[in-house]
Amino acid sequence: MPRLRRARLIAGLCLTLSFACQARAATEESQAWLTELATIRISPTDIVTVDSSQRLRSDADSGGEQFVARIGLDHAVAPHLQLGGGIAYLESETDKELRLFQQAIVTRGIWLSRTRIEQRFFSTANDPGWRLRQRIQASVPIDRAKQWTVIAATELFFHLNRARPGDKTGLAMMRHQIGLRHPVAKAIDAQLLYMRQQNFRDGRPDVVSHIPWLTLSWRL
């Protein structure tokens, strides 16, 4: 299948899933995210990832603006499988969170699958929250030089317990992403995505966020 046709197919599937979710009544908001990311290969089988994000979120239900800092280590245990984990710190206008995570990443051709388990320690809760995240991503080069790559992804978030009385268990959030990645300098890529994020809520309308997301990535 030609690269451009594959990219169009993936984008179409992602948008179809997104529009299908709009059948539910929802409250809509706009956000904007900026991420700086560095990947450091410390051995033939080990990669350290360090990133920070600034998330402009005006809606009160989202907790206002948020800052995220994260560091992780992934180890290749097989040609297409990495196991790893790390720690993250998040701070918003309403609370703080310390997060531990463990993950498995499977890659095959244009496809990437990431399964992540998180333990979330909130400043506003006594007990940790456990969350499962499942991400599927396709990265499709659309030119011969492979300078332009279409990125399409879907990620599902499942809450496994209630850390706070108002938390929802089961499927709690869904993200769809579509965009482009392009090198802008030696070892530096820029990635610009549109992300549709839907938070599922019991007894209230869902919150749908429309988010332009710019990521600058360094490979060291």
C-alpha atoms as a PDB file:
ATOM      1  CA  MET A   1       0.000   0.000   0.000  1.00  0.00           C
ATOM      2  CA  PRO A   2       1.513   3.420  -0.925  1.00  0.00           C
ATOM      3  CA  ARG A   3       2.669   5.506   2.038  1.00  0.00           C
ATOM      4  CA  LEU A   4       0.241   8.380   1.363  1.00  0.00           C
ATOM      5  CA  ARG A   5      -2.701   5.984   1.085  1.00  0.00           C
ATOM      6  CA  ARG A   6      -1.728   4.319   4.376  1.00  0.00           C
ATOM      7  CA  ALA A   7      -1.455   7.730   6.061  1.00  0.00           C
ATOM      8  CA  ARG A   8      -4.922   8.727   4.814  1.00  0.00           C
ATOM      9  CA  LEU A   9      -6.405   5.425   5.992  1.00  0.00           C
ATOM     10  CA  ILE A  10      -4.928   5.785   9.481  1.00  0.00           C
ATOM     11  CA  ALA A  11      -6.042   9.415   9.746  1.00  0.00           C
ATOM     12  CA  GLY A  12      -9.539   8.440   8.614  1.00  0.00           C
ATOM     13  CA  LEU A  13      -9.823   5.678  11.206  1.00  0.00           C
ATOM     14  CA  CYS A  14      -8.648   8.007  13.966  1.00  0.00           C
ATOM     15  CA  LEU A  15     -11.151  10.722  12.999  1.00  0.00           C
ATOM     16  CA  THR A  16     -13.976   8.185  12.674  1.00  0.00           C
ATOM     17  CA  LEU A  17     -13.358   6.977  16.233  1.00  0.00           C
ATOM     18  CA  SER A  18     -13.277  10.581  17.412  1.00  0.00           C
ATOM     19  CA  PHE A  19     -16.551  11.574  15.761  1.00  0.00           C
ATOM     20  CA  ALA A  20     -18.254   8.408  16.987  1.00  0.00           C
ATOM     21  CA  CYS A  21     -17.544   9.482  20.556  1.00  0.00           C
ATOM     22  CA  GLN A  22     -19.364  12.800  20.037  1.00  0.00           C
ATOM     23  CA  ALA A  23     -22.706  10.987  20.244  1.00  0.00           C
ATOM     24  CA  ARG A  24     -22.476  11.419  24.019  1.00  0.00           C
ATOM     25  CA  ALA A  25     -23.509  14.767  25.492  1.00  0.00           C
ATOM     26  CA  ALA A  26     -20.334  16.627  26.380  1.00  0.00           C
ATOM     27  CA  THR A  27     -18.907  19.917  27.562  1.00  0.00           C
ATOM     28  CA  GLU A  28     -16.153  21.222  25.289  1.00  0.00           C
ATOM     29  CA  GLU A  29     -13.019  23.208  26.120  1.00  0.00           C
ATOM     30  CA  SER A  30      -9.751  24.250  24.469  1.00  0.00           C
ATOM     31  CA  GLN A  31      -6.237  23.665  25.765  1.00  0.00           C
ATOM     32  CA  ALA A  32      -2.673  24.048  24.446  1.00  0.00           C
ATOM     33  CA  TRP A  33       0.316  21.844  25.359  1.00  0.00           C
ATOM     34  CA  LEU A  34       4.061  22.283  24.898  1.00  0.00           C
ATOM     35  CA  THR A  35       6.520  19.431  25.597  1.00  0.00           C
ATOM     36  CA  GLU A  36      10.335  19.333  25.625  1.00  0.00           C
ATOM     37  CA  LEU A  37      11.759  15.800  25.420  1.00  0.00           C
ATOM     38  CA  ALA A  38      15.242  14.283  25.361  1.00  0.00           C
ATOM     39  CA  THR A  39      16.099  10.638  24.697  1.00  0.00           C
ATOM     40  CA  ILE A  40      19.550   9.496  25.811  1.00  0.00           C
ATOM     41  CA  ARG A  41      20.953   6.114  24.757  1.00  0.00           C
ATOM     42  CA  ILE A  42      23.167   5.016  27.642  1.00  0.00           C
ATOM     43  CA  SER A  43      23.888   1.517  26.283  1.00  0.00           C
ATOM     44  CA  PRO A  44      22.961  -0.593  23.250  1.00  0.00           C
ATOM     45  CA  THR A  45      19.852  -1.795  25.100  1.00  0.00           C
ATOM     46  CA  ASP A  46      18.986   1.099  27.457  1.00  0.00           C
ATOM     47  CA  ILE A  47      17.361   4.465  26.774  1.00  0.00           C
ATOM     48  CA  VAL A  48      16.676   7.222  29.302  1.00  0.00           C
ATOM     49  CA  THR A  49      13.837   9.621  28.502  1.00  0.00           C
ATOM     50  CA  VAL A  50      13.468  13.009  30.203  1.00  0.00           C
ATOM     51  CA  ASP A  51      10.585  15.340  29.414  1.00  0.00           C
ATOM     52  CA  SER A  52       8.646  18.303  30.740  1.00  0.00           C
ATOM     53  CA  SER A  53       5.291  19.710  29.646  1.00  0.00           C
ATOM     54  CA  GLN A  54       3.414  22.945  30.122  1.00  0.00           C
ATOM     55  CA  ARG A  55      -0.341  22.515  29.723  1.00  0.00           C
ATOM     56  CA  LEU A  56      -2.531  25.608  29.402  1.00  0.00           C
ATOM     57  CA  ARG A  57      -5.941  24.551  30.675  1.00  0.00           C
ATOM     58  CA  SER A  58      -8.525  27.233  31.376  1.00  0.00           C
ATOM     59  CA  ASP A  59     -11.454  25.032  32.396  1.00  0.00           C
ATOM     60  CA  ALA A  60     -11.965  24.713  36.156  1.00  0.00           C
ATOM     61  CA  ASP A  61     -12.837  21.008  35.855  1.00  0.00           C
ATOM     62  CA  SER A  62      -9.343  20.370  34.474  1.00  0.00           C
ATOM     63  CA  GLY A  63      -7.653  21.943  37.487  1.00  0.00           C
ATOM     64  CA  GLY A  64      -6.228  24.930  35.628  1.00  0.00           C
ATOM     65  CA  GLU A  65      -2.744  25.144  34.191  1.00  0.00           C
ATOM     66  CA  GLN A  66      -0.492  22.122  34.774  1.00  0.00           C
ATOM     67  CA  PHE A  67       3.252  21.427  34.778  1.00  0.00           C
ATOM     68  CA  VAL A  68       4.606  17.892  34.237  1.00  0.00           C
ATOM     69  CA  ALA A  69       8.172  16.569  34.666  1.00  0.00           C
ATOM     70  CA  ARG A  70       9.049  12.930  33.994  1.00  0.00           C
ATOM     71  CA  ILE A  71      12.040  10.613  33.737  1.00  0.00           C
ATOM     72  CA  GLY A  72      12.018   6.993  32.612  1.00  0.00           C
ATOM     73  CA  LEU A  73      14.292   4.111  31.629  1.00  0.00           C
ATOM     74  CA  ASP A  74      13.466   1.498  28.981  1.00  0.00           C
ATOM     75  CA  HIS A  75      15.461  -1.702  28.453  1.00  0.00           C
ATOM     76  CA  ALA A  76      15.298  -3.822  25.292  1.00  0.00           C
ATOM     77  CA  VAL A  77      14.688  -7.441  26.270  1.00  0.00           C
ATOM     78  CA  ALA A  78      13.983  -8.633  22.704  1.00  0.00           C
ATOM     79  CA  PRO A  79      14.267  -7.137  19.192  1.00  0.00           C
ATOM     80  CA  HIS A  80      10.753  -5.616  19.324  1.00  0.00           C
ATOM     81  CA  LEU A  81      10.093  -5.419  23.064  1.00  0.00           C
ATOM     82  CA  GLN A  82      11.161  -2.902  25.723  1.00  0.00           C
ATOM     83  CA  LEU A  83      10.361  -3.018  29.432  1.00  0.00           C
ATOM     84  CA  GLY A  84      10.798   0.010  31.638  1.00  0.00           C
ATOM     85  CA  GLY A  85       9.448   2.435  34.170  1.00  0.00           C
ATOM     86  CA  GLY A  86       9.975   5.781  35.802  1.00  0.00           C
ATOM     87  CA  ILE A  87       8.628   8.602  37.935  1.00  0.00           C
ATOM     88  CA  ALA A  88       6.708  11.789  37.188  1.00  0.00           C
ATOM     89  CA  TYR A  89       5.722  14.925  39.093  1.00  0.00           C
ATOM     90  CA  LEU A  90       2.634  16.945  38.180  1.00  0.00           C
ATOM     91  CA  GLU A  91       1.440  20.240  39.637  1.00  0.00           C
ATOM     92  CA  SER A  92      -1.738  22.151  38.822  1.00  0.00           C
ATOM     93  CA  GLU A  93      -3.626  25.007  40.413  1.00  0.00           C
ATOM     94  CA  THR A  94      -5.662  22.570  42.520  1.00  0.00           C
ATOM     95  CA  ASP A  95      -3.340  19.706  43.496  1.00  0.00           C
ATOM     96  CA  LYS A  96       0.028  17.978  43.170  1.00  0.00           C
ATOM     97  CA  GLU A  97       0.724  14.423  42.064  1.00  0.00           C
ATOM     98  CA  LEU A  98       3.679  12.049  42.305  1.00  0.00           C
ATOM     99  CA  ARG A  99       3.379   9.216  39.809  1.00  0.00           C
ATOM    100  CA  LEU A 100       5.254   5.920  39.449  1.00  0.00           C
ATOM    101  CA  PHE A 101       4.840   3.917  36.248  1.00  0.00           C
ATOM    102  CA  GLN A 102       5.871   0.636  34.648  1.00  0.00           C
ATOM    103  CA  GLN A 103       5.468  -0.071  30.940  1.00  0.00           C
ATOM    104  CA  ALA A 104       5.958  -2.488  28.052  1.00  0.00           C
ATOM    105  CA  ILE A 105       6.546  -1.164  24.520  1.00  0.00           C
ATOM    106  CA  VAL A 106       6.128  -3.358  21.446  1.00  0.00           C
ATOM    107  CA  THR A 107       7.194  -2.068  18.008  1.00  0.00           C
ATOM    108  CA  ARG A 108       6.649  -3.613  14.603  1.00  0.00           C
ATOM    109  CA  GLY A 109       7.121  -1.658  11.371  1.00  0.00           C
ATOM    110  CA  ILE A 110       5.022   1.506  11.526  1.00  0.00           C
ATOM    111  CA  TRP A 111       3.194   0.327  14.666  1.00  0.00           C
ATOM    112  CA  LEU A 112       3.875   0.925  18.346  1.00  0.00           C
ATOM    113  CA  SER A 113       1.893  -0.457  21.271  1.00  0.00           C
ATOM    114  CA  ARG A 114       2.510   0.778  24.817  1.00  0.00           C
ATOM    115  CA  THR A 115       0.917  -0.703  27.931  1.00  0.00           C
ATOM    116  CA  ARG A 116       1.520   1.345  31.079  1.00  0.00           C
ATOM    117  CA  ILE A 117       0.504   0.859  34.730  1.00  0.00           C
ATOM    118  CA  GLU A 118       0.593   3.927  36.994  1.00  0.00           C
ATOM    119  CA  GLN A 119       0.455   4.453  40.747  1.00  0.00           C
ATOM    120  CA  ARG A 120      -0.736   8.016  41.386  1.00  0.00           C
ATOM    121  CA  PHE A 121      -0.166   9.736  44.754  1.00  0.00           C
ATOM    122  CA  PHE A 122      -2.282  12.902  45.075  1.00  0.00           C
ATOM    123  CA  SER A 123      -1.884  15.726  47.561  1.00  0.00           C
ATOM    124  CA  THR A 124      -5.697  15.667  47.891  1.00  0.00           C
ATOM    125  CA  ALA A 125      -6.096  11.928  48.621  1.00  0.00           C
ATOM    126  CA  ASN A 126      -4.840   9.496  51.240  1.00  0.00           C
ATOM    127  CA  ASP A 127      -4.737   6.405  49.025  1.00  0.00           C
ATOM    128  CA  PRO A 128      -2.929   5.976  45.690  1.00  0.00           C
ATOM    129  CA  GLY A 129      -4.888   5.653  42.475  1.00  0.00           C
ATOM    130  CA  TRP A 130      -4.043   2.833  40.053  1.00  0.00           C
ATOM    131  CA  ARG A 131      -4.461   3.438  36.334  1.00  0.00           C
ATOM    132  CA  LEU A 132      -3.953   1.349  33.191  1.00  0.00           C
ATOM    133  CA  ARG A 133      -3.097   3.096  29.915  1.00  0.00           C
ATOM    134  CA  GLN A 134      -3.125   1.407  26.508  1.00  0.00           C
ATOM    135  CA  ARG A 135      -1.715   3.295  23.511  1.00  0.00           C
ATOM    136  CA  ILE A 136      -1.627   2.273  19.846  1.00  0.00           C
ATOM    137  CA  GLN A 137       0.340   4.479  17.433  1.00  0.00           C
ATOM    138  CA  ALA A 138       1.207   4.466  13.743  1.00  0.00           C
ATOM    139  CA  SER A 139       4.097   6.496  12.288  1.00  0.00           C
ATOM    140  CA  VAL A 140       3.971   6.683   8.485  1.00  0.00           C
ATOM    141  CA  PRO A 141       6.673   8.466   6.414  1.00  0.00           C
ATOM    142  CA  ILE A 142       5.022  10.284   3.493  1.00  0.00           C
ATOM    143  CA  ASP A 143       8.069  11.325   1.428  1.00  0.00           C
ATOM    144  CA  ARG A 144      10.987   9.387  -0.038  1.00  0.00           C
ATOM    145  CA  ALA A 145      13.540  11.088   2.212  1.00  0.00           C
ATOM    146  CA  LYS A 146      11.424  10.241   5.288  1.00  0.00           C
ATOM    147  CA  GLN A 147      11.585  13.828   6.478  1.00  0.00           C
ATOM    148  CA  TRP A 148       7.829  14.090   7.019  1.00  0.00           C
ATOM    149  CA  THR A 149       5.979  11.524   9.119  1.00  0.00           C
ATOM    150  CA  VAL A 150       2.263  11.299   9.833  1.00  0.00           C
ATOM    151  CA  ILE A 151       1.514  10.333  13.439  1.00  0.00           C
ATOM    152  CA  ALA A 152      -1.861   8.847  14.398  1.00  0.00           C
ATOM    153  CA  ALA A 153      -2.605   7.399  17.830  1.00  0.00           C
ATOM    154  CA  THR A 154      -5.355   6.317  20.204  1.00  0.00           C
ATOM    155  CA  GLU A 155      -4.913   5.885  23.959  1.00  0.00           C
ATOM    156  CA  LEU A 156      -7.390   4.521  26.522  1.00  0.00           C
ATOM    157  CA  PHE A 157      -7.172   5.214  30.274  1.00  0.00           C
ATOM    158  CA  PHE A 158      -8.748   2.830  32.788  1.00  0.00           C
ATOM    159  CA  HIS A 159      -9.045   3.689  36.498  1.00  0.00           C
ATOM    160  CA  LEU A 160      -8.611   0.486  38.503  1.00  0.00           C
ATOM    161  CA  ASN A 161      -9.715   1.917  41.862  1.00  0.00           C
ATOM    162  CA  ARG A 162     -11.026   5.088  43.498  1.00  0.00           C
ATOM    163  CA  ALA A 163      -8.366   7.205  45.190  1.00  0.00           C
ATOM    164  CA  ARG A 164     -10.986   9.902  45.845  1.00  0.00           C
ATOM    165  CA  PRO A 165     -14.766   9.529  46.313  1.00  0.00           C
ATOM    166  CA  GLY A 166     -15.546  11.312  43.046  1.00  0.00           C
ATOM    167  CA  ASP A 167     -13.227   9.189  40.899  1.00  0.00           C
ATOM    168  CA  LYS A 168     -14.661   7.003  38.150  1.00  0.00           C
ATOM    169  CA  THR A 169     -13.591   3.383  37.746  1.00  0.00           C
ATOM    170  CA  GLY A 170     -13.297   1.639  34.396  1.00  0.00           C
ATOM    171  CA  LEU A 171     -12.801   3.609  31.178  1.00  0.00           C
ATOM    172  CA  ALA A 172     -12.168   7.171  32.358  1.00  0.00           C
ATOM    173  CA  MET A 173     -10.477   8.931  29.447  1.00  0.00           C
ATOM    174  CA  MET A 174      -9.740   8.511  25.753  1.00  0.00           C
ATOM    175  CA  ARG A 175      -7.316  10.401  23.513  1.00  0.00           C
ATOM    176  CA  HIS A 176      -7.102  10.558  19.716  1.00  0.00           C
ATOM    177  CA  GLN A 177      -4.132  12.242  18.035  1.00  0.00           C
ATOM    178  CA  ILE A 178      -3.239  13.125  14.449  1.00  0.00           C
ATOM    179  CA  GLY A 179      -0.326  15.252  13.229  1.00  0.00           C
ATOM    180  CA  LEU A 180       3.115  15.534  11.661  1.00  0.00           C
ATOM    181  CA  ARG A 181       6.726  15.065  12.741  1.00  0.00           C
ATOM    182  CA  HIS A 182       9.643  16.727  10.938  1.00  0.00           C
ATOM    183  CA  PRO A 183      13.373  17.211  11.742  1.00  0.00           C
ATOM    184  CA  VAL A 184      14.231  20.880  12.295  1.00  0.00           C
ATOM    185  CA  ALA A 185      17.958  20.518  13.115  1.00  0.00           C
ATOM    186  CA  LYS A 186      20.547  17.822  13.664  1.00  0.00           C
ATOM    187  CA  ALA A 187      19.112  15.355  16.221  1.00  0.00           C
ATOM    188  CA  ILE A 188      16.088  17.617  16.869  1.00  0.00           C
ATOM    189  CA  ASP A 189      12.542  16.861  15.707  1.00  0.00           C
ATOM    190  CA  ALA A 190       9.387  18.956  15.961  1.00  0.00           C
ATOM    191  CA  GLN A 191       6.026  17.245  16.239  1.00  0.00           C
ATOM    192  CA  LEU A 192       2.695  19.069  16.005  1.00  0.00           C
ATOM    193  CA  LEU A 193      -0.489  17.144  16.818  1.00  0.00           C
ATOM    194  CA  TYR A 194      -4.144  17.841  17.201  1.00  0.00           C
ATOM    195  CA  MET A 195      -5.462  15.848  20.159  1.00  0.00           C
ATOM    196  CA  ARG A 196      -9.080  15.214  21.071  1.00  0.00           C
ATOM    197  CA  GLN A 197      -9.313  14.185  24.721  1.00  0.00           C
ATOM    198  CA  GLN A 198     -12.552  12.933  26.248  1.00  0.00           C
ATOM    199  CA  ASN A 199     -13.030  12.544  30.001  1.00  0.00           C
ATOM    200  CA  PHE A 200     -15.929  10.227  30.880  1.00  0.00           C
ATOM    201  CA  ARG A 201     -17.937  11.244  33.944  1.00  0.00           C
ATOM    202  CA  ASP A 202     -20.773   9.526  35.812  1.00  0.00           C
ATOM    203  CA  GLY A 203     -23.962  11.558  36.151  1.00  0.00           C
ATOM    204  CA  ARG A 204     -22.493  14.598  34.356  1.00  0.00           C
ATOM    205  CA  PRO A 205     -21.677  15.482  30.747  1.00  0.00           C
ATOM    206  CA  ASP A 206     -18.285  14.287  29.543  1.00  0.00           C
ATOM    207  CA  VAL A 207     -15.557  16.885  29.027  1.00  0.00           C
ATOM    208  CA  VAL A 208     -14.092  16.994  25.508  1.00  0.00           C
ATOM    209  CA  SER A 209     -10.848  18.954  25.104  1.00  0.00           C
ATOM    210  CA  HIS A 210      -9.419  20.148  21.772  1.00  0.00           C
ATOM    211  CA  ILE A 211      -5.646  20.458  22.136  1.00  0.00           C
ATOM    212  CA  PRO A 212      -2.887  21.583  19.781  1.00  0.00           C
ATOM    213  CA  TRP A 213       0.277  19.895  21.097  1.00  0.00           C
ATOM    214  CA  LEU A 214       3.810  20.880  20.076  1.00  0.00           C
ATOM    215  CA  THR A 215       6.703  18.584  21.072  1.00  0.00           C
ATOM    216  CA  LEU A 216      10.412  19.305  20.566  1.00  0.00           C
ATOM    217  CA  SER A 217      12.557  16.147  20.784  1.00  0.00           C
ATOM    218  CA  TRP A 218      16.332  15.852  21.178  1.00  0.00           C
ATOM    219  CA  ARG A 219      18.195  12.587  20.515  1.00  0.00           C
ATOM    220  CA  LEU A 220      21.435  12.399  22.510  1.00  0.00           C
END
